[in-house]
Amino acid sequence: MKKLLFLLLYFSILLPSCEDCGVSSEPKVMITYEDGLNSDNYWKSHYKKVEVLRSGTYDSIPDLDYFPISLVSDTTSFVFTDIENNTDTLTISYERNFYFQSKACGYVLDIEDMKSESQTTFKDVYIEHVYNEYPILYSITVYN
């Protein structure tokens, strides 16, 4: 019983001292699709493949709900390919801010001021910052 009490006291002191360092993995965005015809706004029902252009190379995106954005560039491009091999392109730009937060966290990255570039093939793009939805930083809705 004394051991249990000691462990409980030890962890109750230790855990609150941990520092929140923010997003600790590759930043991600969530992209939803709206065409005005279907109530289903899930991109997978309209496109068979999505590729992301980061650091000069195209990477196929697995069947995920979240899309990674580049850490080495201020832009990321997504190429959506439908069943008939037609493509739609979305390029987003953002500001990367690296700064030293603390000894415990070291350098951290904030992504700010995300916007759609003019070379998109979608009719409209709406970008919204998402708070407290780790690992998603931004929600993007594309309209066709």
Protein backbone atom coordinates (compact mmCIF):
# COMPACT_ATOMS: atom_id res chain seq x y z
CA MET A 1 0.00 0.00 0.00
CA LYS A 2 2.87 2.37 0.80
CA LYS A 3 4.45 1.61 -2.59
CA LEU A 4 1.23 2.42 -4.37
CA LEU A 5 0.86 5.67 -2.46
CA PHE A 6 4.48 6.58 -3.21
CA LEU A 7 4.06 5.85 -6.95
CA LEU A 8 0.84 7.83 -7.08
CA LEU A 9 2.50 10.80 -5.38
CA TYR A 10 5.58 10.51 -7.63
CA PHE A 11 3.56 10.54 -10.87
CA SER A 12 1.24 13.30 -9.69
CA ILE A 13 4.29 15.53 -9.23
CA LEU A 14 6.08 14.38 -12.39
CA LEU A 15 3.26 14.58 -14.95
CA PRO A 16 2.23 18.23 -14.50
CA SER A 17 5.85 19.27 -14.99
CA CYS A 18 5.83 18.09 -18.62
CA GLU A 19 5.87 20.92 -21.13
CA ASP A 20 3.57 21.02 -24.15
CA CYS A 21 5.79 21.53 -27.16
CA GLY A 22 3.01 21.75 -29.75
CA VAL A 23 2.87 19.69 -32.93
CA SER A 24 5.71 17.18 -32.86
CA SER A 25 5.21 15.56 -36.26
CA GLU A 26 4.91 16.63 -39.87
CA PRO A 27 2.17 19.27 -40.19
CA LYS A 28 -0.98 18.06 -41.92
CA VAL A 29 -4.07 19.49 -43.57
CA MET A 30 -7.50 17.96 -44.07
CA ILE A 31 -9.02 18.45 -47.53
CA THR A 32 -12.74 18.05 -48.23
CA TYR A 33 -14.39 18.25 -51.64
CA GLU A 34 -17.73 19.78 -52.61
CA ASP A 35 -19.22 19.71 -56.10
CA GLY A 36 -22.80 20.78 -55.36
CA LEU A 37 -24.18 17.46 -56.66
CA ASN A 38 -23.44 14.94 -53.95
CA SER A 39 -23.93 15.24 -50.23
CA ASP A 40 -20.75 13.18 -49.79
CA ASN A 41 -17.89 15.66 -49.54
CA TYR A 42 -15.18 13.07 -49.12
CA TRP A 43 -12.39 13.40 -51.70
CA LYS A 44 -12.01 9.61 -52.02
CA SER A 45 -15.42 9.31 -53.68
CA HIS A 46 -14.31 11.64 -56.51
CA TYR A 47 -10.61 10.95 -57.03
CA LYS A 48 -8.69 7.71 -57.42
CA LYS A 49 -5.27 9.13 -56.63
CA VAL A 50 -3.69 12.11 -54.89
CA GLU A 51 -0.06 13.10 -55.24
CA VAL A 52 1.77 15.78 -53.30
CA LEU A 53 4.63 17.80 -54.76
CA ARG A 54 7.19 18.43 -52.03
CA SER A 55 10.83 19.29 -52.51
CA GLY A 56 10.56 18.87 -56.27
CA THR A 57 9.25 15.28 -56.27
CA TYR A 58 5.78 13.77 -56.46
CA ASP A 59 4.81 11.37 -53.71
CA SER A 60 1.63 9.31 -53.86
CA ILE A 61 -0.55 9.81 -50.84
CA PRO A 62 -1.87 6.63 -49.27
CA ASP A 63 -5.54 6.30 -48.44
CA LEU A 64 -5.48 8.87 -45.62
CA ASP A 65 -7.74 11.57 -44.30
CA TYR A 66 -4.83 13.94 -43.71
CA PHE A 67 -2.33 15.34 -46.18
CA PRO A 68 1.25 16.24 -45.22
CA ILE A 69 2.70 19.63 -46.09
CA SER A 70 6.33 20.41 -46.82
CA LEU A 71 8.68 21.43 -44.04
CA VAL A 72 11.42 22.59 -46.43
CA SER A 73 9.32 24.87 -48.62
CA ASP A 74 6.68 27.56 -48.19
CA THR A 75 4.39 25.86 -50.73
CA THR A 76 2.90 22.42 -51.26
CA SER A 77 0.98 21.27 -54.36
CA PHE A 78 -1.60 18.50 -54.48
CA VAL A 79 -2.59 16.79 -57.74
CA PHE A 80 -5.95 14.97 -57.67
CA THR A 81 -6.57 12.41 -60.45
CA ASP A 82 -10.08 11.12 -61.16
CA ILE A 83 -11.18 7.86 -62.79
CA GLU A 84 -10.95 9.37 -66.31
CA ASN A 85 -7.37 10.57 -65.60
CA ASN A 86 -8.41 14.23 -65.44
CA THR A 87 -6.38 16.17 -62.91
CA ASP A 88 -7.15 19.02 -60.54
CA THR A 89 -4.34 20.89 -58.85
CA LEU A 90 -4.29 22.71 -55.53
CA THR A 91 -1.25 24.73 -54.44
CA ILE A 92 -1.15 26.19 -50.96
CA SER A 93 1.38 28.60 -49.53
CA TYR A 94 2.15 29.34 -45.90
CA GLU A 95 4.70 30.95 -43.64
CA ARG A 96 7.03 28.71 -41.63
CA ASN A 97 8.26 30.14 -38.34
CA PHE A 98 11.05 28.26 -36.55
CA TYR A 99 11.94 29.41 -33.07
CA PHE A 100 13.56 28.18 -29.88
CA GLN A 101 10.83 27.47 -27.34
CA SER A 102 12.71 26.03 -24.36
CA LYS A 103 15.39 23.56 -23.33
CA ALA A 104 12.79 20.81 -23.04
CA CYS A 105 11.28 21.41 -26.49
CA GLY A 106 14.17 22.85 -28.45
CA TYR A 107 13.23 24.40 -31.78
CA VAL A 108 9.59 24.25 -32.82
CA LEU A 109 7.74 25.11 -36.01
CA ASP A 110 4.58 27.15 -36.44
CA ILE A 111 2.70 27.22 -39.76
CA GLU A 112 0.83 30.48 -40.29
CA ASP A 113 -1.00 32.48 -42.93
CA MET A 114 -1.97 29.53 -45.14
CA LYS A 115 -3.66 30.48 -48.42
CA SER A 116 -4.45 29.03 -51.82
CA GLU A 117 -2.30 30.10 -54.75
CA SER A 118 -3.94 31.32 -57.95
CA GLN A 119 -2.82 28.31 -60.03
CA THR A 120 -5.53 26.02 -58.65
CA THR A 121 -7.99 24.34 -61.01
CA PHE A 122 -10.78 24.31 -58.43
CA LYS A 123 -13.52 26.94 -58.63
CA ASP A 124 -13.02 28.07 -55.05
CA VAL A 125 -10.90 27.14 -52.05
CA TYR A 126 -11.73 27.88 -48.42
CA ILE A 127 -8.97 27.50 -45.80
CA GLU A 128 -9.66 27.54 -42.08
CA HIS A 129 -7.24 27.19 -39.16
CA VAL A 130 -8.28 24.31 -36.91
CA TYR A 131 -7.59 24.66 -33.21
CA ASN A 132 -7.03 21.66 -30.93
CA GLU A 133 -7.40 19.07 -33.70
CA TYR A 134 -3.95 17.45 -33.59
CA PRO A 135 -2.37 16.52 -36.00
CA ILE A 136 -4.45 18.69 -38.36
CA LEU A 137 -3.46 22.34 -38.53
CA TYR A 138 -5.77 23.53 -41.29
CA SER A 139 -9.01 22.39 -42.90
CA ILE A 140 -9.29 23.06 -46.65
CA THR A 141 -12.56 22.83 -48.58
CA VAL A 142 -12.32 22.81 -52.38
CA TYR A 143 -15.31 23.53 -54.64
CA ASN A 144 -15.70 22.31 -58.20
